[in-house]
Structure formats: C-alpha cells, structure tokens
Amino acid sequence: MRIYKELETLGFFKWYCTQYSGLVYQEYKPVYDDLPLDNIIRTELNACVFKFFREKYNYFSSPTESDNDTTKTYDWLITKNLGSGKKFIGFIGYKNSYEEAEFECIKKLIENTKKEL
C-alpha cells in the first residue's frame, strides 16, 4: 500500500497545508512512498498523520513495546473516540521494527477510515 497516496484521498495533505501554512508538498508527494521507512521526512510526516487521524476522524493510536523472552515486539493499540466512549479497533503486534509497526498501524487507520466513508 502506498500510504501517502491513500492519505491524499482522505484529505491529509489539504489538512497538512492548512495546519502548517506555506508548505508546498506537490513537487515531493510522488516520492514520499518510495522513501525508506526510517527516513526523517517519513518520520515527521507520520507524526502528523497520527495527529490528522485524531483530529479529523477521532482515531487514537498508541505504541507500546514488549519483550517476550528473546523477542521484542512493537505493538500499536487503535481506538476510536465515539463521544460516549472508546471503541476498540485493533491491536497490531509487529516483530521486526518500530518503523514497520508504525507503517502497519497507519495502513490499518487508512483501511478503517475508508470503510466509514
């Protein structure tokens, strides 16, 4: 999944430019999905992606790290604020790296949001 292409259809870049006025992303957007997961530009954008989902769609996600004997797992808990409480959406456990777990979480947020629209 090309997450930044998907995020554009959900209004992320319009929101991003409104939040951080003066930003011109058009010339760079084709390459965002091609950057390595641990690239600083992706890291900064992803922080804004989580803020976007909180503010626009009421999705909350939080990372945790757990050690199971010899295996380190990077976990994400996803909930949705419904006003009358929170709805559990998913729990993603990923073994390889924090960046891959973050990527999987963003994919899940995109999938859930698209189902709602």
PDB file of N, CA and C in Angstrom:
ATOM      1  N   MET A   1       0.853  -1.188   0.000  1.00  0.00           N
ATOM      2  CA  MET A   1       0.000   0.000   0.000  1.00  0.00           C
ATOM      3  C   MET A   1       0.892   1.242   0.000  1.00  0.00           C
ATOM      4  N   ARG A   2       0.566   2.160  -0.862  1.00  0.00           N
ATOM      5  CA  ARG A   2       1.270   3.443  -0.921  1.00  0.00           C
ATOM      6  C   ARG A   2       0.489   4.403  -0.014  1.00  0.00           C
ATOM      7  N   ILE A   3       0.919   4.476   1.237  1.00  0.00           N
ATOM      8  CA  ILE A   3       0.117   5.153   2.260  1.00  0.00           C
ATOM      9  C   ILE A   3      -0.086   6.638   1.988  1.00  0.00           C
ATOM     10  N   TYR A   4       0.926   7.319   1.466  1.00  0.00           N
ATOM     11  CA  TYR A   4       0.760   8.766   1.262  1.00  0.00           C
ATOM     12  C   TYR A   4      -0.186   9.058   0.099  1.00  0.00           C
ATOM     13  N   LYS A   5      -0.199   8.179  -0.895  1.00  0.00           N
ATOM     14  CA  LYS A   5      -1.183   8.314  -1.982  1.00  0.00           C
ATOM     15  C   LYS A   5      -2.592   8.109  -1.428  1.00  0.00           C
ATOM     16  N   GLU A   6      -2.753   7.109  -0.565  1.00  0.00           N
ATOM     17  CA  GLU A   6      -4.046   6.846   0.077  1.00  0.00           C
ATOM     18  C   GLU A   6      -4.444   8.006   0.998  1.00  0.00           C
ATOM     19  N   LEU A   7      -3.480   8.525   1.735  1.00  0.00           N
ATOM     20  CA  LEU A   7      -3.763   9.637   2.653  1.00  0.00           C
ATOM     21  C   LEU A   7      -4.217  10.883   1.906  1.00  0.00           C
ATOM     22  N   GLU A   8      -3.683  11.077   0.716  1.00  0.00           N
ATOM     23  CA  GLU A   8      -4.101  12.236  -0.078  1.00  0.00           C
ATOM     24  C   GLU A   8      -5.591  12.157  -0.384  1.00  0.00           C
ATOM     25  N   THR A   9      -6.097  10.964  -0.675  1.00  0.00           N
ATOM     26  CA  THR A   9      -7.524  10.825  -0.988  1.00  0.00           C
ATOM     27  C   THR A   9      -8.395  11.070   0.244  1.00  0.00           C
ATOM     28  N   LEU A  10      -7.816  10.905   1.442  1.00  0.00           N
ATOM     29  CA  LEU A  10      -8.570  11.149   2.682  1.00  0.00           C
ATOM     30  C   LEU A  10      -8.472  12.605   3.144  1.00  0.00           C
ATOM     31  N   GLY A  11      -7.723  13.426   2.409  1.00  0.00           N
ATOM     32  CA  GLY A  11      -7.625  14.842   2.755  1.00  0.00           C
ATOM     33  C   GLY A  11      -6.436  15.211   3.622  1.00  0.00           C
ATOM     34  N   PHE A  12      -5.490  14.277   3.788  1.00  0.00           N
ATOM     35  CA  PHE A  12      -4.357  14.551   4.668  1.00  0.00           C
ATOM     36  C   PHE A  12      -3.549  15.763   4.227  1.00  0.00           C
ATOM     37  N   PHE A  13      -3.168  15.853   2.964  1.00  0.00           N
ATOM     38  CA  PHE A  13      -2.286  16.932   2.539  1.00  0.00           C
ATOM     39  C   PHE A  13      -2.975  18.293   2.547  1.00  0.00           C
ATOM     40  N   LYS A  14      -4.256  18.304   2.287  1.00  0.00           N
ATOM     41  CA  LYS A  14      -5.012  19.555   2.416  1.00  0.00           C
ATOM     42  C   LYS A  14      -4.998  20.011   3.879  1.00  0.00           C
ATOM     43  N   TRP A  15      -5.264  19.076   4.795  1.00  0.00           N
ATOM     44  CA  TRP A  15      -5.210  19.370   6.225  1.00  0.00           C
ATOM     45  C   TRP A  15      -3.810  19.812   6.631  1.00  0.00           C
ATOM     46  N   TYR A  16      -2.803  19.097   6.150  1.00  0.00           N
ATOM     47  CA  TYR A  16      -1.406  19.369   6.475  1.00  0.00           C
ATOM     48  C   TYR A  16      -1.007  20.785   6.065  1.00  0.00           C
ATOM     49  N   CYS A  17      -1.394  21.175   4.853  1.00  0.00           N
ATOM     50  CA  CYS A  17      -1.062  22.514   4.361  1.00  0.00           C
ATOM     51  C   CYS A  17      -1.814  23.594   5.132  1.00  0.00           C
ATOM     52  N   THR A  18      -3.011  23.296   5.593  1.00  0.00           N
ATOM     53  CA  THR A  18      -3.780  24.238   6.403  1.00  0.00           C
ATOM     54  C   THR A  18      -3.137  24.409   7.773  1.00  0.00           C
ATOM     55  N   GLN A  19      -2.713  23.295   8.364  1.00  0.00           N
ATOM     56  CA  GLN A  19      -2.083  23.319   9.681  1.00  0.00           C
ATOM     57  C   GLN A  19      -0.730  24.021   9.666  1.00  0.00           C
ATOM     58  N   TYR A  20       0.036  23.765   8.630  1.00  0.00           N
ATOM     59  CA  TYR A  20       1.404  24.270   8.524  1.00  0.00           C
ATOM     60  C   TYR A  20       1.500  25.127   7.265  1.00  0.00           C
ATOM     61  N   SER A  21       0.888  26.289   7.321  1.00  0.00           N
ATOM     62  CA  SER A  21       0.713  27.157   6.151  1.00  0.00           C
ATOM     63  C   SER A  21       2.024  27.414   5.417  1.00  0.00           C
ATOM     64  N   GLY A  22       1.871  27.538   4.146  1.00  0.00           N
ATOM     65  CA  GLY A  22       3.014  27.822   3.306  1.00  0.00           C
ATOM     66  C   GLY A  22       3.720  26.577   2.800  1.00  0.00           C
ATOM     67  N   LEU A  23       3.350  25.428   3.304  1.00  0.00           N
ATOM     68  CA  LEU A  23       4.004  24.206   2.867  1.00  0.00           C
ATOM     69  C   LEU A  23       3.573  23.861   1.449  1.00  0.00           C
ATOM     70  N   VAL A  24       4.534  23.591   0.617  1.00  0.00           N
ATOM     71  CA  VAL A  24       4.248  23.164  -0.753  1.00  0.00           C
ATOM     72  C   VAL A  24       4.737  21.725  -0.869  1.00  0.00           C
ATOM     73  N   TYR A  25       3.807  20.803  -0.965  1.00  0.00           N
ATOM     74  CA  TYR A  25       4.177  19.398  -0.997  1.00  0.00           C
ATOM     75  C   TYR A  25       4.076  18.796  -2.387  1.00  0.00           C
ATOM     76  N   GLN A  26       3.460  19.499  -3.328  1.00  0.00           N
ATOM     77  CA  GLN A  26       3.161  18.932  -4.643  1.00  0.00           C
ATOM     78  C   GLN A  26       4.379  18.339  -5.341  1.00  0.00           C
ATOM     79  N   GLU A  27       5.505  19.031  -5.277  1.00  0.00           N
ATOM     80  CA  GLU A  27       6.664  18.525  -6.013  1.00  0.00           C
ATOM     81  C   GLU A  27       7.302  17.305  -5.358  1.00  0.00           C
ATOM     82  N   TYR A  28       7.017  17.089  -4.094  1.00  0.00           N
ATOM     83  CA  TYR A  28       7.629  15.973  -3.382  1.00  0.00           C
ATOM     84  C   TYR A  28       6.722  14.767  -3.212  1.00  0.00           C
ATOM     85  N   LYS A  29       5.406  14.962  -3.279  1.00  0.00           N
ATOM     86  CA  LYS A  29       4.486  13.881  -2.923  1.00  0.00           C
ATOM     87  C   LYS A  29       4.687  12.580  -3.707  1.00  0.00           C
ATOM     88  N   PRO A  30       5.138  12.603  -4.969  1.00  0.00           N
ATOM     89  CA  PRO A  30       5.329  11.324  -5.656  1.00  0.00           C
ATOM     90  C   PRO A  30       6.425  10.459  -5.043  1.00  0.00           C
ATOM     91  N   VAL A  31       7.346  11.054  -4.289  1.00  0.00           N
ATOM     92  CA  VAL A  31       8.466  10.270  -3.762  1.00  0.00           C
ATOM     93  C   VAL A  31       8.291   9.845  -2.309  1.00  0.00           C
ATOM     94  N   TYR A  32       7.320  10.377  -1.594  1.00  0.00           N
ATOM     95  CA  TYR A  32       7.171  10.044  -0.178  1.00  0.00           C
ATOM     96  C   TYR A  32       7.072   8.539   0.062  1.00  0.00           C
ATOM     97  N   ASP A  33       6.274   7.855  -0.740  1.00  0.00           N
ATOM     98  CA  ASP A  33       6.086   6.419  -0.546  1.00  0.00           C
ATOM     99  C   ASP A  33       7.321   5.605  -0.912  1.00  0.00           C
ATOM    100  N   ASP A  34       8.236   6.198  -1.653  1.00  0.00           N
ATOM    101  CA  ASP A  34       9.450   5.489  -2.055  1.00  0.00           C
ATOM    102  C   ASP A  34      10.592   5.652  -1.057  1.00  0.00           C
ATOM    103  N   LEU A  35      10.428   6.533  -0.092  1.00  0.00           N
ATOM    104  CA  LEU A  35      11.472   6.730   0.915  1.00  0.00           C
ATOM    105  C   LEU A  35      11.534   5.533   1.858  1.00  0.00           C
ATOM    106  N   PRO A  36      12.709   5.238   2.413  1.00  0.00           N
ATOM    107  CA  PRO A  36      12.802   4.163   3.413  1.00  0.00           C
ATOM    108  C   PRO A  36      11.925   4.477   4.622  1.00  0.00           C
ATOM    109  N   LEU A  37      11.438   3.443   5.296  1.00  0.00           N
ATOM    110  CA  LEU A  37      10.537   3.643   6.432  1.00  0.00           C
ATOM    111  C   LEU A  37      11.173   4.466   7.542  1.00  0.00           C
ATOM    112  N   ASP A  38      12.484   4.412   7.694  1.00  0.00           N
ATOM    113  CA  ASP A  38      13.141   5.152   8.768  1.00  0.00           C
ATOM    114  C   ASP A  38      13.682   6.514   8.327  1.00  0.00           C
ATOM    115  N   ASN A  39      13.282   6.976   7.152  1.00  0.00           N
ATOM    116  CA  ASN A  39      13.700   8.286   6.659  1.00  0.00           C
ATOM    117  C   ASN A  39      13.099   9.397   7.527  1.00  0.00           C
ATOM    118  N   ILE A  40      13.852  10.450   7.786  1.00  0.00           N
ATOM    119  CA  ILE A  40      13.401  11.531   8.661  1.00  0.00           C
ATOM    120  C   ILE A  40      12.159  12.239   8.109  1.00  0.00           C
ATOM    121  N   ILE A  41      12.039  12.353   6.814  1.00  0.00           N
ATOM    122  CA  ILE A  41      10.853  13.005   6.230  1.00  0.00           C
ATOM    123  C   ILE A  41       9.609  12.170   6.523  1.00  0.00           C
ATOM    124  N   ARG A  42       9.727  10.848   6.355  1.00  0.00           N
ATOM    125  CA  ARG A  42       8.596   9.968   6.673  1.00  0.00           C
ATOM    126  C   ARG A  42       8.266  10.027   8.152  1.00  0.00           C
ATOM    127  N   THR A  43       9.294  10.055   8.989  1.00  0.00           N
ATOM    128  CA  THR A  43       9.091  10.104  10.432  1.00  0.00           C
ATOM    129  C   THR A  43       8.297  11.350  10.817  1.00  0.00           C
ATOM    130  N   GLU A  44       8.672  12.482  10.247  1.00  0.00           N
ATOM    131  CA  GLU A  44       7.964  13.737  10.534  1.00  0.00           C
ATOM    132  C   GLU A  44       6.543  13.710   9.992  1.00  0.00           C
ATOM    133  N   LEU A  45       6.378  13.226   8.770  1.00  0.00           N
ATOM    134  CA  LEU A  45       5.037  13.127   8.181  1.00  0.00           C
ATOM    135  C   LEU A  45       4.150  12.186   8.988  1.00  0.00           C
ATOM    136  N   ASN A  46       4.702  11.068   9.425  1.00  0.00           N
ATOM    137  CA  ASN A  46       3.907  10.099  10.173  1.00  0.00           C
ATOM    138  C   ASN A  46       3.399  10.676  11.483  1.00  0.00           C
ATOM    139  N   ALA A  47       4.205  11.497  12.139  1.00  0.00           N
ATOM    140  CA  ALA A  47       3.739  12.150  13.370  1.00  0.00           C
ATOM    141  C   ALA A  47       2.510  12.996  13.054  1.00  0.00           C
ATOM    142  N   CYS A  48       2.540  13.683  11.926  1.00  0.00           N
ATOM    143  CA  CYS A  48       1.388  14.496  11.515  1.00  0.00           C
ATOM    144  C   CYS A  48       0.216  13.627  11.085  1.00  0.00           C
ATOM    145  N   VAL A  49       0.492  12.466  10.514  1.00  0.00           N
ATOM    146  CA  VAL A  49      -0.574  11.537  10.112  1.00  0.00           C
ATOM    147  C   VAL A  49      -1.381  11.106  11.338  1.00  0.00           C
ATOM    148  N   PHE A  50      -0.706  10.782  12.431  1.00  0.00           N
ATOM    149  CA  PHE A  50      -1.417  10.373  13.640  1.00  0.00           C
ATOM    150  C   PHE A  50      -2.248  11.533  14.200  1.00  0.00           C
ATOM    151  N   LYS A  51      -1.714  12.743  14.133  1.00  0.00           N
ATOM    152  CA  LYS A  51      -2.464  13.924  14.571  1.00  0.00           C
ATOM    153  C   LYS A  51      -3.689  14.136  13.682  1.00  0.00           C
ATOM    154  N   PHE A  52      -3.525  13.964  12.376  1.00  0.00           N
ATOM    155  CA  PHE A  52      -4.615  14.081  11.406  1.00  0.00           C
ATOM    156  C   PHE A  52      -5.752  13.111  11.746  1.00  0.00           C
ATOM    157  N   PHE A  53      -5.419  11.844  12.011  1.00  0.00           N
ATOM    158  CA  PHE A  53      -6.452  10.856  12.334  1.00  0.00           C
ATOM    159  C   PHE A  53      -7.145  11.172  13.655  1.00  0.00           C
ATOM    160  N   ARG A  54      -6.393  11.713  14.620  1.00  0.00           N
ATOM    161  CA  ARG A  54      -7.021  12.112  15.892  1.00  0.00           C
ATOM    162  C   ARG A  54      -8.003  13.253  15.673  1.00  0.00           C
ATOM    163  N   GLU A  55      -7.565  14.289  14.965  1.00  0.00           N
ATOM    164  CA  GLU A  55      -8.376  15.497  14.809  1.00  0.00           C
ATOM    165  C   GLU A  55      -9.532  15.338  13.834  1.00  0.00           C
ATOM    166  N   LYS A  56      -9.313  14.660  12.740  1.00  0.00           N
ATOM    167  CA  LYS A  56     -10.336  14.582  11.700  1.00  0.00           C
ATOM    168  C   LYS A  56     -11.269  13.381  11.840  1.00  0.00           C
ATOM    169  N   TYR A  57     -10.749  12.254  12.303  1.00  0.00           N
ATOM    170  CA  TYR A  57     -11.534  11.022  12.326  1.00  0.00           C
ATOM    171  C   TYR A  57     -11.695  10.401  13.718  1.00  0.00           C
ATOM    172  N   ASN A  58     -11.169  11.042  14.741  1.00  0.00           N
ATOM    173  CA  ASN A  58     -11.269  10.575  16.134  1.00  0.00           C
ATOM    174  C   ASN A  58     -10.627   9.212  16.382  1.00  0.00           C
ATOM    175  N   TYR A  59      -9.609   8.879  15.605  1.00  0.00           N
ATOM    176  CA  TYR A  59      -8.850   7.655  15.836  1.00  0.00           C
ATOM    177  C   TYR A  59      -7.640   7.966  16.703  1.00  0.00           C
ATOM    178  N   PHE A  60      -7.440   7.148  17.699  1.00  0.00           N
ATOM    179  CA  PHE A  60      -6.302   7.298  18.597  1.00  0.00           C
ATOM    180  C   PHE A  60      -5.462   6.032  18.515  1.00  0.00           C
ATOM    181  N   SER A  61      -4.174   6.205  18.440  1.00  0.00           N
ATOM    182  CA  SER A  61      -3.282   5.043  18.409  1.00  0.00           C
ATOM    183  C   SER A  61      -2.101   5.326  19.316  1.00  0.00           C
ATOM    184  N   SER A  62      -1.671   4.294  19.983  1.00  0.00           N
ATOM    185  CA  SER A  62      -0.533   4.462  20.883  1.00  0.00           C
ATOM    186  C   SER A  62       0.400   3.264  20.773  1.00  0.00           C
ATOM    187  N   PRO A  63       1.689   3.537  20.664  1.00  0.00           N
ATOM    188  CA  PRO A  63       2.667   2.454  20.549  1.00  0.00           C
ATOM    189  C   PRO A  63       3.083   1.947  21.923  1.00  0.00           C
ATOM    190  N   THR A  64       3.405   0.685  21.962  1.00  0.00           N
ATOM    191  CA  THR A  64       3.990   0.083  23.162  1.00  0.00           C
ATOM    192  C   THR A  64       5.080  -0.875  22.707  1.00  0.00           C
ATOM    193  N   GLU A  65       5.923  -1.245  23.618  1.00  0.00           N
ATOM    194  CA  GLU A  65       6.975  -2.200  23.301  1.00  0.00           C
ATOM    195  C   GLU A  65       6.943  -3.282  24.356  1.00  0.00           C
ATOM    196  N   SER A  66       7.033  -4.510  23.932  1.00  0.00           N
ATOM    197  CA  SER A  66       7.037  -5.596  24.907  1.00  0.00           C
ATOM    198  C   SER A  66       8.151  -6.578  24.581  1.00  0.00           C
ATOM    199  N   ASP A  67       8.690  -7.163  25.595  1.00  0.00           N
ATOM    200  CA  ASP A  67       9.717  -8.190  25.434  1.00  0.00           C
ATOM    201  C   ASP A  67       9.144  -9.519  25.886  1.00  0.00           C
ATOM    202  N   ASN A  68       9.135 -10.471  24.983  1.00  0.00           N
ATOM    203  CA  ASN A  68       8.700 -11.826  25.309  1.00  0.00           C
ATOM    204  C   ASN A  68       9.932 -12.725  25.248  1.00  0.00           C
ATOM    205  N   ASP A  69      10.594 -12.871  26.364  1.00  0.00           N
ATOM    206  CA  ASP A  69      11.834 -13.640  26.456  1.00  0.00           C
ATOM    207  C   ASP A  69      12.890 -13.091  25.493  1.00  0.00           C
ATOM    208  N   THR A  70      12.978 -13.630  24.304  1.00  0.00           N
ATOM    209  CA  THR A  70      14.025 -13.203  23.366  1.00  0.00           C
ATOM    210  C   THR A  70      13.498 -12.346  22.221  1.00  0.00           C
ATOM    211  N   THR A  71      12.198 -12.174  22.132  1.00  0.00           N
ATOM    212  CA  THR A  71      11.609 -11.449  21.005  1.00  0.00           C
ATOM    213  C   THR A  71      11.051 -10.108  21.458  1.00  0.00           C
ATOM    214  N   LYS A  72      11.513  -9.053  20.834  1.00  0.00           N
ATOM    215  CA  LYS A  72      10.969  -7.725  21.106  1.00  0.00           C
ATOM    216  C   LYS A  72       9.838  -7.492  20.115  1.00  0.00           C
ATOM    217  N   THR A  73       8.697  -7.047  20.609  1.00  0.00           N
ATOM    218  CA  THR A  73       7.539  -6.799  19.758  1.00  0.00           C
ATOM    219  C   THR A  73       7.115  -5.345  19.903  1.00  0.00           C
ATOM    220  N   TYR A  74       6.819  -4.727  18.797  1.00  0.00           N
ATOM    221  CA  TYR A  74       6.331  -3.357  18.780  1.00  0.00           C
ATOM    222  C   TYR A  74       4.837  -3.411  18.515  1.00  0.00           C
ATOM    223  N   ASP A  75       4.052  -2.929  19.459  1.00  0.00           N
ATOM    224  CA  ASP A  75       2.602  -3.047  19.394  1.00  0.00           C
ATOM    225  C   ASP A  75       1.951  -1.676  19.265  1.00  0.00           C
ATOM    226  N   TRP A  76       0.813  -1.655  18.607  1.00  0.00           N
ATOM    227  CA  TRP A  76       0.003  -0.436  18.490  1.00  0.00           C
ATOM    228  C   TRP A  76      -1.419  -0.761  18.894  1.00  0.00           C
ATOM    229  N   LEU A  77      -1.975   0.043  19.745  1.00  0.00           N
ATOM    230  CA  LEU A  77      -3.369  -0.069  20.140  1.00  0.00           C
ATOM    231  C   LEU A  77      -4.130   1.031  19.412  1.00  0.00           C
ATOM    232  N   ILE A  78      -5.210   0.671  18.727  1.00  0.00           N
ATOM    233  CA  ILE A  78      -6.012   1.645  17.986  1.00  0.00           C
ATOM    234  C   ILE A  78      -7.420   1.663  18.565  1.00  0.00           C
ATOM    235  N   THR A  79      -7.887   2.861  18.921  1.00  0.00           N
ATOM    236  CA  THR A  79      -9.260   3.039  19.394  1.00  0.00           C
ATOM    237  C   THR A  79      -9.879   4.215  18.652  1.00  0.00           C
ATOM    238  N   LYS A  80     -11.194   4.285  18.721  1.00  0.00           N
ATOM    239  CA  LYS A  80     -11.917   5.398  18.115  1.00  0.00           C
ATOM    240  C   LYS A  80     -12.778   6.032  19.188  1.00  0.00           C
ATOM    241  N   ASN A  81     -12.658   7.341  19.329  1.00  0.00           N
ATOM    242  CA  ASN A  81     -13.470   8.077  20.285  1.00  0.00           C
ATOM    243  C   ASN A  81     -14.847   8.303  19.669  1.00  0.00           C
ATOM    244  N   LEU A  82     -15.870   7.751  20.304  1.00  0.00           N
ATOM    245  CA  LEU A  82     -17.237   7.855  19.786  1.00  0.00           C
ATOM    246  C   LEU A  82     -18.065   8.898  20.524  1.00  0.00           C
ATOM    247  N   GLY A  83     -17.462   9.645  21.439  1.00  0.00           N
ATOM    248  CA  GLY A  83     -18.203  10.610  22.225  1.00  0.00           C
ATOM    249  C   GLY A  83     -18.775   9.979  23.484  1.00  0.00           C
ATOM    250  N   SER A  84     -19.369   8.817  23.345  1.00  0.00           N
ATOM    251  CA  SER A  84     -19.929   8.124  24.502  1.00  0.00           C
ATOM    252  C   SER A  84     -18.950   7.100  25.065  1.00  0.00           C
ATOM    253  N   GLY A  85     -17.779   7.073  24.528  1.00  0.00           N
ATOM    254  CA  GLY A  85     -16.756   6.125  24.970  1.00  0.00           C
ATOM    255  C   GLY A  85     -15.837   5.791  23.820  1.00  0.00           C
ATOM    256  N   LYS A  86     -14.925   4.898  24.069  1.00  0.00           N
ATOM    257  CA  LYS A  86     -13.986   4.499  23.033  1.00  0.00           C
ATOM    258  C   LYS A  86     -14.314   3.102  22.523  1.00  0.00           C
ATOM    259  N   LYS A  87     -14.166   2.937  21.242  1.00  0.00           N
ATOM    260  CA  LYS A  87     -14.392   1.650  20.602  1.00  0.00           C
ATOM    261  C   LYS A  87     -13.030   1.057  20.247  1.00  0.00           C
ATOM    262  N   PHE A  88     -12.792  -0.168  20.651  1.00  0.00           N
ATOM    263  CA  PHE A  88     -11.551  -0.855  20.318  1.00  0.00           C
ATOM    264  C   PHE A  88     -11.558  -1.193  18.835  1.00  0.00           C
ATOM    265  N   ILE A  89     -10.524  -0.807  18.129  1.00  0.00           N
ATOM    266  CA  ILE A  89     -10.433  -1.075  16.693  1.00  0.00           C
ATOM    267  C   ILE A  89      -9.471  -2.218  16.415  1.00  0.00           C
ATOM    268  N   GLY A  90      -8.317  -2.176  17.026  1.00  0.00           N
ATOM    269  CA  GLY A  90      -7.358  -3.231  16.749  1.00  0.00           C
ATOM    270  C   GLY A  90      -6.103  -3.116  17.571  1.00  0.00           C
ATOM    271  N   PHE A  91      -5.387  -4.184  17.593  1.00  0.00           N
ATOM    272  CA  PHE A  91      -4.110  -4.245  18.277  1.00  0.00           C
ATOM    273  C   PHE A  91      -3.153  -4.911  17.315  1.00  0.00           C
ATOM    274  N   ILE A  92      -2.122  -4.193  16.936  1.00  0.00           N
ATOM    275  CA  ILE A  92      -1.185  -4.701  15.945  1.00  0.00           C
ATOM    276  C   ILE A  92       0.125  -5.015  16.641  1.00  0.00           C
ATOM    277  N   GLY A  93       0.570  -6.237  16.548  1.00  0.00           N
ATOM    278  CA  GLY A  93       1.865  -6.630  17.083  1.00  0.00           C
ATOM    279  C   GLY A  93       2.800  -6.934  15.935  1.00  0.00           C
ATOM    280  N   TYR A  94       3.954  -6.299  15.956  1.00  0.00           N
ATOM    281  CA  TYR A  94       4.877  -6.473  14.843  1.00  0.00           C
ATOM    282  C   TYR A  94       6.271  -6.691  15.388  1.00  0.00           C
ATOM    283  N   LYS A  95       6.981  -7.680  14.893  1.00  0.00           N
ATOM    284  CA  LYS A  95       8.247  -8.080  15.488  1.00  0.00           C
ATOM    285  C   LYS A  95       9.489  -7.406  14.923  1.00  0.00           C
ATOM    286  N   ASN A  96       9.481  -6.983  13.701  1.00  0.00           N
ATOM    287  CA  ASN A  96      10.728  -6.562  13.057  1.00  0.00           C
ATOM    288  C   ASN A  96      11.279  -5.221  13.526  1.00  0.00           C
ATOM    289  N   SER A  97      10.486  -4.181  13.452  1.00  0.00           N
ATOM    290  CA  SER A  97      10.993  -2.861  13.837  1.00  0.00           C
ATOM    291  C   SER A  97       9.842  -1.933  14.184  1.00  0.00           C
ATOM    292  N   TYR A  98      10.176  -0.893  14.915  1.00  0.00           N
ATOM    293  CA  TYR A  98       9.196   0.126  15.276  1.00  0.00           C
ATOM    294  C   TYR A  98       8.613   0.764  14.012  1.00  0.00           C
ATOM    295  N   GLU A  99       9.472   1.084  13.040  1.00  0.00           N
ATOM    296  CA  GLU A  99       9.015   1.738  11.812  1.00  0.00           C
ATOM    297  C   GLU A  99       8.038   0.874  11.033  1.00  0.00           C
ATOM    298  N   GLU A 100       8.286  -0.429  10.988  1.00  0.00           N
ATOM    299  CA  GLU A 100       7.356  -1.322  10.293  1.00  0.00           C
ATOM    300  C   GLU A 100       6.031  -1.423  11.035  1.00  0.00           C
ATOM    301  N   ALA A 101       6.097  -1.423  12.353  1.00  0.00           N
ATOM    302  CA  ALA A 101       4.865  -1.455  13.148  1.00  0.00           C
ATOM    303  C   ALA A 101       4.072  -0.167  12.936  1.00  0.00           C
ATOM    304  N   GLU A 102       4.755   0.957  12.900  1.00  0.00           N
ATOM    305  CA  GLU A 102       4.104   2.244  12.650  1.00  0.00           C
ATOM    306  C   GLU A 102       3.432   2.252  11.275  1.00  0.00           C
ATOM    307  N   PHE A 103       4.125   1.729  10.275  1.00  0.00           N
ATOM    308  CA  PHE A 103       3.597   1.626   8.922  1.00  0.00           C
ATOM    309  C   PHE A 103       2.328   0.772   8.895  1.00  0.00           C
ATOM    310  N   GLU A 104       2.351  -0.365   9.584  1.00  0.00           N
ATOM    311  CA  GLU A 104       1.177  -1.243   9.643  1.00  0.00           C
ATOM    312  C   GLU A 104       0.010  -0.557  10.343  1.00  0.00           C
ATOM    313  N   CYS A 105       0.302   0.221  11.368  1.00  0.00           N
ATOM    314  CA  CYS A 105      -0.743   0.944  12.084  1.00  0.00           C
ATOM    315  C   CYS A 105      -1.398   1.981  11.168  1.00  0.00           C
ATOM    316  N   ILE A 106      -0.595   2.714  10.424  1.00  0.00           N
ATOM    317  CA  ILE A 106      -1.141   3.717   9.502  1.00  0.00           C
ATOM    318  C   ILE A 106      -1.995   3.039   8.438  1.00  0.00           C
ATOM    319  N   LYS A 107      -1.551   1.895   7.932  1.00  0.00           N
ATOM    320  CA  LYS A 107      -2.357   1.161   6.959  1.00  0.00           C
ATOM    321  C   LYS A 107      -3.713   0.785   7.546  1.00  0.00           C
ATOM    322  N   LYS A 108      -3.717   0.332   8.801  1.00  0.00           N
ATOM    323  CA  LYS A 108      -4.972  -0.047   9.469  1.00  0.00           C
ATOM    324  C   LYS A 108      -5.880   1.165   9.654  1.00  0.00           C
ATOM    325  N   LEU A 109      -5.305   2.310  10.013  1.00  0.00           N
ATOM    326  CA  LEU A 109      -6.094   3.543  10.156  1.00  0.00           C
ATOM    327  C   LEU A 109      -6.724   3.936   8.819  1.00  0.00           C
ATOM    328  N   ILE A 110      -5.966   3.824   7.760  1.00  0.00           N
ATOM    329  CA  ILE A 110      -6.479   4.148   6.420  1.00  0.00           C
ATOM    330  C   ILE A 110      -7.620   3.200   6.056  1.00  0.00           C
ATOM    331  N   GLU A 111      -7.410   1.910   6.253  1.00  0.00           N
ATOM    332  CA  GLU A 111      -8.436   0.914   5.914  1.00  0.00           C
ATOM    333  C   GLU A 111      -9.730   1.159   6.689  1.00  0.00           C
ATOM    334  N   ASN A 112      -9.621   1.410   7.976  1.00  0.00           N
ATOM    335  CA  ASN A 112     -10.819   1.646   8.789  1.00  0.00           C
ATOM    336  C   ASN A 112     -11.538   2.914   8.360  1.00  0.00           C
ATOM    337  N   THR A 113     -10.788   3.952   8.085  1.00  0.00           N
ATOM    338  CA  THR A 113     -11.399   5.225   7.672  1.00  0.00           C
ATOM    339  C   THR A 113     -12.106   5.060   6.332  1.00  0.00           C
ATOM    340  N   LYS A 114     -11.496   4.381   5.399  1.00  0.00           N
ATOM    341  CA  LYS A 114     -12.113   4.178   4.086  1.00  0.00           C
ATOM    342  C   LYS A 114     -13.418   3.382   4.202  1.00  0.00           C
ATOM    343  N   LYS A 115     -13.488   2.451   5.155  1.00  0.00           N
ATOM    344  CA  LYS A 115     -14.718   1.682   5.361  1.00  0.00           C
ATOM    345  C   LYS A 115     -15.844   2.576   5.858  1.00  0.00           C
ATOM    346  N   GLU A 116     -15.495   3.606   6.621  1.00  0.00           N
ATOM    347  CA  GLU A 116     -16.507   4.515   7.171  1.00  0.00           C
ATOM    348  C   GLU A 116     -17.058   5.497   6.150  1.00  0.00           C
ATOM    349  N   LEU A 117     -16.279   5.799   5.145  1.00  0.00           N
ATOM    350  CA  LEU A 117     -16.692   6.813   4.162  1.00  0.00           C
ATOM    351  C   LEU A 117     -17.656   6.275   3.134  1.00  0.00           C
TER     352      LEU A 117
END
